[in-house]
Amino acid sequence: MELVLSKPEDIKKLEGWTIKSGVVEVQGADPVLVLSMSHPAAEFPIKLEIKPTVSIGRNGNIIVCNQMLRLHIEDIK
């Protein structure tokens, strides 16, 4: 499952989760924060990867570049 934080209210989806461990990995040239998290109502704990990225687009003849954080979530079985 992949979640993109495009609105401030998207972060509320992570409320109630407990961080069990965290590590910073380097994938290519980018650092990635990897968190192992659990929730009392969840069947499995999850691994949450927080990856920095950019969004590049055009507005007329102007190139627009925005920084973003991308969350990648997967179950730990």
PDB file of N, CA and C in Angstrom:
ATOM      1  N   MET A   1       0.843  -1.163   0.000  1.00  0.00           N
ATOM      2  CA  MET A   1       0.000   0.000   0.000  1.00  0.00           C
ATOM      3  C   MET A   1       0.896   1.237   0.000  1.00  0.00           C
ATOM      4  N   GLU A   2       0.573   2.203  -0.822  1.00  0.00           N
ATOM      5  CA  GLU A   2       1.363   3.418  -0.881  1.00  0.00           C
ATOM      6  C   GLU A   2       0.477   4.611  -0.565  1.00  0.00           C
ATOM      7  N   LEU A   3       0.970   5.515   0.242  1.00  0.00           N
ATOM      8  CA  LEU A   3       0.230   6.692   0.676  1.00  0.00           C
ATOM      9  C   LEU A   3       1.057   7.924   0.392  1.00  0.00           C
ATOM     10  N   VAL A   4       0.493   8.891  -0.319  1.00  0.00           N
ATOM     11  CA  VAL A   4       1.175  10.142  -0.590  1.00  0.00           C
ATOM     12  C   VAL A   4       0.552  11.219   0.276  1.00  0.00           C
ATOM     13  N   LEU A   5       1.383  11.943   0.997  1.00  0.00           N
ATOM     14  CA  LEU A   5       0.883  13.028   1.837  1.00  0.00           C
ATOM     15  C   LEU A   5       0.660  14.266   0.972  1.00  0.00           C
ATOM     16  N   SER A   6      -0.530  14.411   0.449  1.00  0.00           N
ATOM     17  CA  SER A   6      -0.830  15.576  -0.366  1.00  0.00           C
ATOM     18  C   SER A   6      -1.657  16.601   0.393  1.00  0.00           C
ATOM     19  N   LYS A   7      -2.262  16.176   1.495  1.00  0.00           N
ATOM     20  CA  LYS A   7      -3.069  17.078   2.319  1.00  0.00           C
ATOM     21  C   LYS A   7      -2.654  16.890   3.777  1.00  0.00           C
ATOM     22  N   PRO A   8      -2.710  17.948   4.566  1.00  0.00           N
ATOM     23  CA  PRO A   8      -2.320  17.811   5.980  1.00  0.00           C
ATOM     24  C   PRO A   8      -3.142  16.774   6.747  1.00  0.00           C
ATOM     25  N   GLU A   9      -4.385  16.573   6.391  1.00  0.00           N
ATOM     26  CA  GLU A   9      -5.216  15.610   7.132  1.00  0.00           C
ATOM     27  C   GLU A   9      -4.847  14.151   6.842  1.00  0.00           C
ATOM     28  N   ASP A  10      -4.044  13.885   5.817  1.00  0.00           N
ATOM     29  CA  ASP A  10      -3.605  12.509   5.525  1.00  0.00           C
ATOM     30  C   ASP A  10      -2.770  11.922   6.664  1.00  0.00           C
ATOM     31  N   ILE A  11      -2.061  12.750   7.395  1.00  0.00           N
ATOM     32  CA  ILE A  11      -1.208  12.251   8.481  1.00  0.00           C
ATOM     33  C   ILE A  11      -2.041  11.624   9.600  1.00  0.00           C
ATOM     34  N   LYS A  12      -3.313  11.982   9.705  1.00  0.00           N
ATOM     35  CA  LYS A  12      -4.175  11.429  10.754  1.00  0.00           C
ATOM     36  C   LYS A  12      -4.383   9.924  10.595  1.00  0.00           C
ATOM     37  N   LYS A  13      -4.132   9.387   9.415  1.00  0.00           N
ATOM     38  CA  LYS A  13      -4.273   7.949   9.196  1.00  0.00           C
ATOM     39  C   LYS A  13      -3.249   7.143  10.000  1.00  0.00           C
ATOM     40  N   LEU A  14      -2.204   7.791  10.489  1.00  0.00           N
ATOM     41  CA  LEU A  14      -1.172   7.101  11.266  1.00  0.00           C
ATOM     42  C   LEU A  14      -1.371   7.234  12.770  1.00  0.00           C
ATOM     43  N   GLU A  15      -2.434   7.914  13.209  1.00  0.00           N
ATOM     44  CA  GLU A  15      -2.681   8.076  14.645  1.00  0.00           C
ATOM     45  C   GLU A  15      -2.967   6.723  15.287  1.00  0.00           C
ATOM     46  N   GLY A  16      -2.436   6.516  16.468  1.00  0.00           N
ATOM     47  CA  GLY A  16      -2.661   5.288  17.213  1.00  0.00           C
ATOM     48  C   GLY A  16      -1.607   4.220  16.987  1.00  0.00           C
ATOM     49  N   TRP A  17      -0.742   4.400  15.988  1.00  0.00           N
ATOM     50  CA  TRP A  17       0.316   3.434  15.729  1.00  0.00           C
ATOM     51  C   TRP A  17       1.486   3.693  16.670  1.00  0.00           C
ATOM     52  N   THR A  18       2.143   2.623  17.127  1.00  0.00           N
ATOM     53  CA  THR A  18       3.293   2.713  18.024  1.00  0.00           C
ATOM     54  C   THR A  18       4.553   2.344  17.249  1.00  0.00           C
ATOM     55  N   ILE A  19       5.582   3.191  17.349  1.00  0.00           N
ATOM     56  CA  ILE A  19       6.856   2.915  16.689  1.00  0.00           C
ATOM     57  C   ILE A  19       7.650   1.951  17.553  1.00  0.00           C
ATOM     58  N   LYS A  20       7.992   0.792  16.986  1.00  0.00           N
ATOM     59  CA  LYS A  20       8.764  -0.231  17.701  1.00  0.00           C
ATOM     60  C   LYS A  20      10.263  -0.091  17.441  1.00  0.00           C
ATOM     61  N   SER A  21      10.646   0.290  16.213  1.00  0.00           N
ATOM     62  CA  SER A  21      12.059   0.492  15.880  1.00  0.00           C
ATOM     63  C   SER A  21      12.156   1.419  14.681  1.00  0.00           C
ATOM     64  N   GLY A  22      13.330   2.016  14.530  1.00  0.00           N
ATOM     65  CA  GLY A  22      13.559   2.921  13.410  1.00  0.00           C
ATOM     66  C   GLY A  22      15.008   2.874  12.978  1.00  0.00           C
ATOM     67  N   VAL A  23      15.228   3.053  11.685  1.00  0.00           N
ATOM     68  CA  VAL A  23      16.575   3.043  11.130  1.00  0.00           C
ATOM     69  C   VAL A  23      16.574   3.934   9.889  1.00  0.00           C
ATOM     70  N   VAL A  24      17.724   4.543   9.599  1.00  0.00           N
ATOM     71  CA  VAL A  24      17.892   5.327   8.376  1.00  0.00           C
ATOM     72  C   VAL A  24      18.735   4.495   7.420  1.00  0.00           C
ATOM     73  N   GLU A  25      18.199   4.245   6.230  1.00  0.00           N
ATOM     74  CA  GLU A  25      18.909   3.498   5.197  1.00  0.00           C
ATOM     75  C   GLU A  25      19.211   4.445   4.041  1.00  0.00           C
ATOM     76  N   VAL A  26      20.210   4.110   3.256  1.00  0.00           N
ATOM     77  CA  VAL A  26      20.506   4.869   2.050  1.00  0.00           C
ATOM     78  C   VAL A  26      20.135   4.000   0.861  1.00  0.00           C
ATOM     79  N   GLN A  27      19.182   4.480   0.057  1.00  0.00           N
ATOM     80  CA  GLN A  27      18.759   3.774  -1.150  1.00  0.00           C
ATOM     81  C   GLN A  27      19.114   4.660  -2.333  1.00  0.00           C
ATOM     82  N   GLY A  28      20.166   4.294  -3.053  1.00  0.00           N
ATOM     83  CA  GLY A  28      20.676   5.164  -4.104  1.00  0.00           C
ATOM     84  C   GLY A  28      21.350   6.358  -3.446  1.00  0.00           C
ATOM     85  N   ALA A  29      20.939   7.557  -3.828  1.00  0.00           N
ATOM     86  CA  ALA A  29      21.512   8.773  -3.244  1.00  0.00           C
ATOM     87  C   ALA A  29      20.644   9.339  -2.132  1.00  0.00           C
ATOM     88  N   ASP A  30      19.478   8.731  -1.902  1.00  0.00           N
ATOM     89  CA  ASP A  30      18.513   9.294  -0.962  1.00  0.00           C
ATOM     90  C   ASP A  30      18.476   8.535   0.358  1.00  0.00           C
ATOM     91  N   PRO A  31      18.426   9.263   1.483  1.00  0.00           N
ATOM     92  CA  PRO A  31      18.215   8.594   2.774  1.00  0.00           C
ATOM     93  C   PRO A  31      16.738   8.236   2.927  1.00  0.00           C
ATOM     94  N   VAL A  32      16.463   7.092   3.518  1.00  0.00           N
ATOM     95  CA  VAL A  32      15.092   6.633   3.733  1.00  0.00           C
ATOM     96  C   VAL A  32      14.949   6.277   5.206  1.00  0.00           C
ATOM     97  N   LEU A  33      13.931   6.831   5.858  1.00  0.00           N
ATOM     98  CA  LEU A  33      13.641   6.514   7.249  1.00  0.00           C
ATOM     99  C   LEU A  33      12.680   5.321   7.262  1.00  0.00           C
ATOM    100  N   VAL A  34      13.093   4.219   7.909  1.00  0.00           N
ATOM    101  CA  VAL A  34      12.287   3.004   7.966  1.00  0.00           C
ATOM    102  C   VAL A  34      11.847   2.790   9.414  1.00  0.00           C
ATOM    103  N   LEU A  35      10.529   2.745   9.621  1.00  0.00           N
ATOM    104  CA  LEU A  35       9.966   2.557  10.953  1.00  0.00           C
ATOM    105  C   LEU A  35       9.163   1.261  10.991  1.00  0.00           C
ATOM    106  N   SER A  36       9.350   0.463  12.041  1.00  0.00           N
ATOM    107  CA  SER A  36       8.495  -0.694  12.295  1.00  0.00           C
ATOM    108  C   SER A  36       7.436  -0.232  13.292  1.00  0.00           C
ATOM    109  N   MET A  37       6.152  -0.416  12.945  1.00  0.00           N
ATOM    110  CA  MET A  37       5.066   0.115  13.756  1.00  0.00           C
ATOM    111  C   MET A  37       4.008  -0.948  13.997  1.00  0.00           C
ATOM    112  N   SER A  38       3.294  -0.813  15.117  1.00  0.00           N
ATOM    113  CA  SER A  38       2.197  -1.736  15.414  1.00  0.00           C
ATOM    114  C   SER A  38       1.004  -0.939  15.937  1.00  0.00           C
ATOM    115  N   HIS A  39      -0.156  -1.585  15.870  1.00  0.00           N
ATOM    116  CA  HIS A  39      -1.405  -0.980  16.341  1.00  0.00           C
ATOM    117  C   HIS A  39      -2.227  -2.085  16.984  1.00  0.00           C
ATOM    118  N   PRO A  40      -2.884  -1.816  18.117  1.00  0.00           N
ATOM    119  CA  PRO A  40      -3.668  -2.865  18.787  1.00  0.00           C
ATOM    120  C   PRO A  40      -4.765  -3.470  17.904  1.00  0.00           C
ATOM    121  N   ALA A  41      -5.323  -2.697  16.993  1.00  0.00           N
ATOM    122  CA  ALA A  41      -6.416  -3.195  16.155  1.00  0.00           C
ATOM    123  C   ALA A  41      -5.932  -3.821  14.849  1.00  0.00           C
ATOM    124  N   ALA A  42      -4.620  -3.757  14.566  1.00  0.00           N
ATOM    125  CA  ALA A  42      -4.096  -4.282  13.307  1.00  0.00           C
ATOM    126  C   ALA A  42      -3.739  -5.758  13.448  1.00  0.00           C
ATOM    127  N   GLU A  43      -3.966  -6.496  12.374  1.00  0.00           N
ATOM    128  CA  GLU A  43      -3.647  -7.922  12.374  1.00  0.00           C
ATOM    129  C   GLU A  43      -2.133  -8.149  12.361  1.00  0.00           C
ATOM    130  N   PHE A  44      -1.412  -7.333  11.588  1.00  0.00           N
ATOM    131  CA  PHE A  44       0.041  -7.454  11.470  1.00  0.00           C
ATOM    132  C   PHE A  44       0.691  -6.104  11.764  1.00  0.00           C
ATOM    133  N   PRO A  45       1.932  -6.103  12.256  1.00  0.00           N
ATOM    134  CA  PRO A  45       2.673  -4.847  12.321  1.00  0.00           C
ATOM    135  C   PRO A  45       3.026  -4.393  10.898  1.00  0.00           C
ATOM    136  N   ILE A  46       3.435  -3.152  10.744  1.00  0.00           N
ATOM    137  CA  ILE A  46       3.776  -2.645   9.417  1.00  0.00           C
ATOM    138  C   ILE A  46       5.198  -2.109   9.403  1.00  0.00           C
ATOM    139  N   LYS A  47       5.734  -2.027   8.194  1.00  0.00           N
ATOM    140  CA  LYS A  47       7.006  -1.339   7.951  1.00  0.00           C
ATOM    141  C   LYS A  47       6.651  -0.091   7.154  1.00  0.00           C
ATOM    142  N   LEU A  48       7.022   1.067   7.673  1.00  0.00           N
ATOM    143  CA  LEU A  48       6.736   2.347   7.038  1.00  0.00           C
ATOM    144  C   LEU A  48       8.042   2.953   6.551  1.00  0.00           C
ATOM    145  N   GLU A  49       8.159   3.178   5.245  1.00  0.00           N
ATOM    146  CA  GLU A  49       9.330   3.822   4.668  1.00  0.00           C
ATOM    147  C   GLU A  49       8.952   5.248   4.284  1.00  0.00           C
ATOM    148  N   ILE A  50       9.706   6.211   4.788  1.00  0.00           N
ATOM    149  CA  ILE A  50       9.477   7.615   4.457  1.00  0.00           C
ATOM    150  C   ILE A  50      10.595   8.029   3.511  1.00  0.00           C
ATOM    151  N   LYS A  51      10.214   8.303   2.258  1.00  0.00           N
ATOM    152  CA  LYS A  51      11.186   8.588   1.205  1.00  0.00           C
ATOM    153  C   LYS A  51      11.030  10.029   0.716  1.00  0.00           C
ATOM    154  N   PRO A  52      12.136  10.775   0.622  1.00  0.00           N
ATOM    155  CA  PRO A  52      12.051  12.102   0.026  1.00  0.00           C
ATOM    156  C   PRO A  52      11.944  11.980  -1.491  1.00  0.00           C
ATOM    157  N   THR A  53      11.184  12.861  -2.116  1.00  0.00           N
ATOM    158  CA  THR A  53      11.032  12.853  -3.564  1.00  0.00           C
ATOM    159  C   THR A  53      10.667  14.256  -4.017  1.00  0.00           C
ATOM    160  N   VAL A  54      10.586  14.472  -5.310  1.00  0.00           N
ATOM    161  CA  VAL A  54      10.177  15.754  -5.860  1.00  0.00           C
ATOM    162  C   VAL A  54       9.092  15.547  -6.896  1.00  0.00           C
ATOM    163  N   SER A  55       8.285  16.558  -7.070  1.00  0.00           N
ATOM    164  CA  SER A  55       7.258  16.577  -8.107  1.00  0.00           C
ATOM    165  C   SER A  55       7.615  17.710  -9.063  1.00  0.00           C
ATOM    166  N   ILE A  56       7.784  17.386 -10.334  1.00  0.00           N
ATOM    167  CA  ILE A  56       8.165  18.386 -11.325  1.00  0.00           C
ATOM    168  C   ILE A  56       7.032  18.536 -12.325  1.00  0.00           C
ATOM    169  N   GLY A  57       6.667  19.780 -12.595  1.00  0.00           N
ATOM    170  CA  GLY A  57       5.604  20.058 -13.556  1.00  0.00           C
ATOM    171  C   GLY A  57       5.842  21.394 -14.230  1.00  0.00           C
ATOM    172  N   ARG A  58       4.889  21.779 -15.066  1.00  0.00           N
ATOM    173  CA  ARG A  58       5.002  23.052 -15.774  1.00  0.00           C
ATOM    174  C   ARG A  58       3.783  23.898 -15.496  1.00  0.00           C
ATOM    175  N   ASN A  59       4.006  25.186 -15.439  1.00  0.00           N
ATOM    176  CA  ASN A  59       2.943  26.165 -15.350  1.00  0.00           C
ATOM    177  C   ASN A  59       3.247  27.205 -16.424  1.00  0.00           C
ATOM    178  N   GLY A  60       2.680  27.003 -17.614  1.00  0.00           N
ATOM    179  CA  GLY A  60       3.045  27.841 -18.760  1.00  0.00           C
ATOM    180  C   GLY A  60       4.469  27.530 -19.166  1.00  0.00           C
ATOM    181  N   ASN A  61       5.320  28.540 -19.193  1.00  0.00           N
ATOM    182  CA  ASN A  61       6.719  28.298 -19.545  1.00  0.00           C
ATOM    183  C   ASN A  61       7.613  28.268 -18.304  1.00  0.00           C
ATOM    184  N   ILE A  62       7.015  28.065 -17.131  1.00  0.00           N
ATOM    185  CA  ILE A  62       7.756  27.980 -15.875  1.00  0.00           C
ATOM    186  C   ILE A  62       7.762  26.531 -15.396  1.00  0.00           C
ATOM    187  N   ILE A  63       8.929  26.022 -15.040  1.00  0.00           N
ATOM    188  CA  ILE A  63       9.033  24.676 -14.479  1.00  0.00           C
ATOM    189  C   ILE A  63       8.895  24.788 -12.964  1.00  0.00           C
ATOM    190  N   VAL A  64       7.982  23.984 -12.398  1.00  0.00           N
ATOM    191  CA  VAL A  64       7.706  24.007 -10.964  1.00  0.00           C
ATOM    192  C   VAL A  64       8.227  22.709 -10.353  1.00  0.00           C
ATOM    193  N   CYS A  65       8.991  22.822  -9.275  1.00  0.00           N
ATOM    194  CA  CYS A  65       9.549  21.662  -8.576  1.00  0.00           C
ATOM    195  C   CYS A  65       9.158  21.756  -7.108  1.00  0.00           C
ATOM    196  N   ASN A  66       8.421  20.765  -6.601  1.00  0.00           N
ATOM    197  CA  ASN A  66       7.973  20.740  -5.210  1.00  0.00           C
ATOM    198  C   ASN A  66       8.566  19.539  -4.497  1.00  0.00           C
ATOM    199  N   GLN A  67       9.032  19.763  -3.272  1.00  0.00           N
ATOM    200  CA  GLN A  67       9.530  18.659  -2.444  1.00  0.00           C
ATOM    201  C   GLN A  67       8.339  17.926  -1.846  1.00  0.00           C
ATOM    202  N   MET A  68       8.469  16.600  -1.719  1.00  0.00           N
ATOM    203  CA  MET A  68       7.412  15.773  -1.154  1.00  0.00           C
ATOM    204  C   MET A  68       8.019  14.682  -0.292  1.00  0.00           C
ATOM    205  N   LEU A  69       7.213  14.129   0.600  1.00  0.00           N
ATOM    206  CA  LEU A  69       7.556  12.903   1.310  1.00  0.00           C
ATOM    207  C   LEU A  69       6.585  11.833   0.848  1.00  0.00           C
ATOM    208  N   ARG A  70       7.102  10.679   0.474  1.00  0.00           N
ATOM    209  CA  ARG A  70       6.259   9.571   0.034  1.00  0.00           C
ATOM    210  C   ARG A  70       6.352   8.471   1.091  1.00  0.00           C
ATOM    211  N   LEU A  71       5.198   7.970   1.518  1.00  0.00           N
ATOM    212  CA  LEU A  71       5.154   6.886   2.488  1.00  0.00           C
ATOM    213  C   LEU A  71       4.851   5.589   1.766  1.00  0.00           C
ATOM    214  N   HIS A  72       5.663   4.584   2.031  1.00  0.00           N
ATOM    215  CA  HIS A  72       5.408   3.243   1.490  1.00  0.00           C
ATOM    216  C   HIS A  72       5.184   2.328   2.692  1.00  0.00           C
ATOM    217  N   ILE A  73       4.021   1.696   2.730  1.00  0.00           N
ATOM    218  CA  ILE A  73       3.637   0.871   3.870  1.00  0.00           C
ATOM    219  C   ILE A  73       3.457  -0.569   3.417  1.00  0.00           C
ATOM    220  N   GLU A  74       4.030  -1.507   4.171  1.00  0.00           N
ATOM    221  CA  GLU A  74       3.799  -2.930   3.880  1.00  0.00           C
ATOM    222  C   GLU A  74       3.689  -3.692   5.188  1.00  0.00           C
ATOM    223  N   ASP A  75       2.914  -4.775   5.154  1.00  0.00           N
ATOM    224  CA  ASP A  75       2.739  -5.627   6.324  1.00  0.00           C
ATOM    225  C   ASP A  75       3.999  -6.405   6.632  1.00  0.00           C
ATOM    226  N   ILE A  76       4.288  -6.617   7.908  1.00  0.00           N
ATOM    227  CA  ILE A  76       5.371  -7.491   8.341  1.00  0.00           C
ATOM    228  C   ILE A  76       4.699  -8.783   8.832  1.00  0.00           C
ATOM    229  N   LYS A  77       4.936  -9.880   8.125  1.00  0.00           N
ATOM    230  CA  LYS A  77       4.280 -11.148   8.488  1.00  0.00           C
ATOM    231  C   LYS A  77       5.272 -12.099   9.091  1.00  0.00           C
TER     232      LYS A  77
END
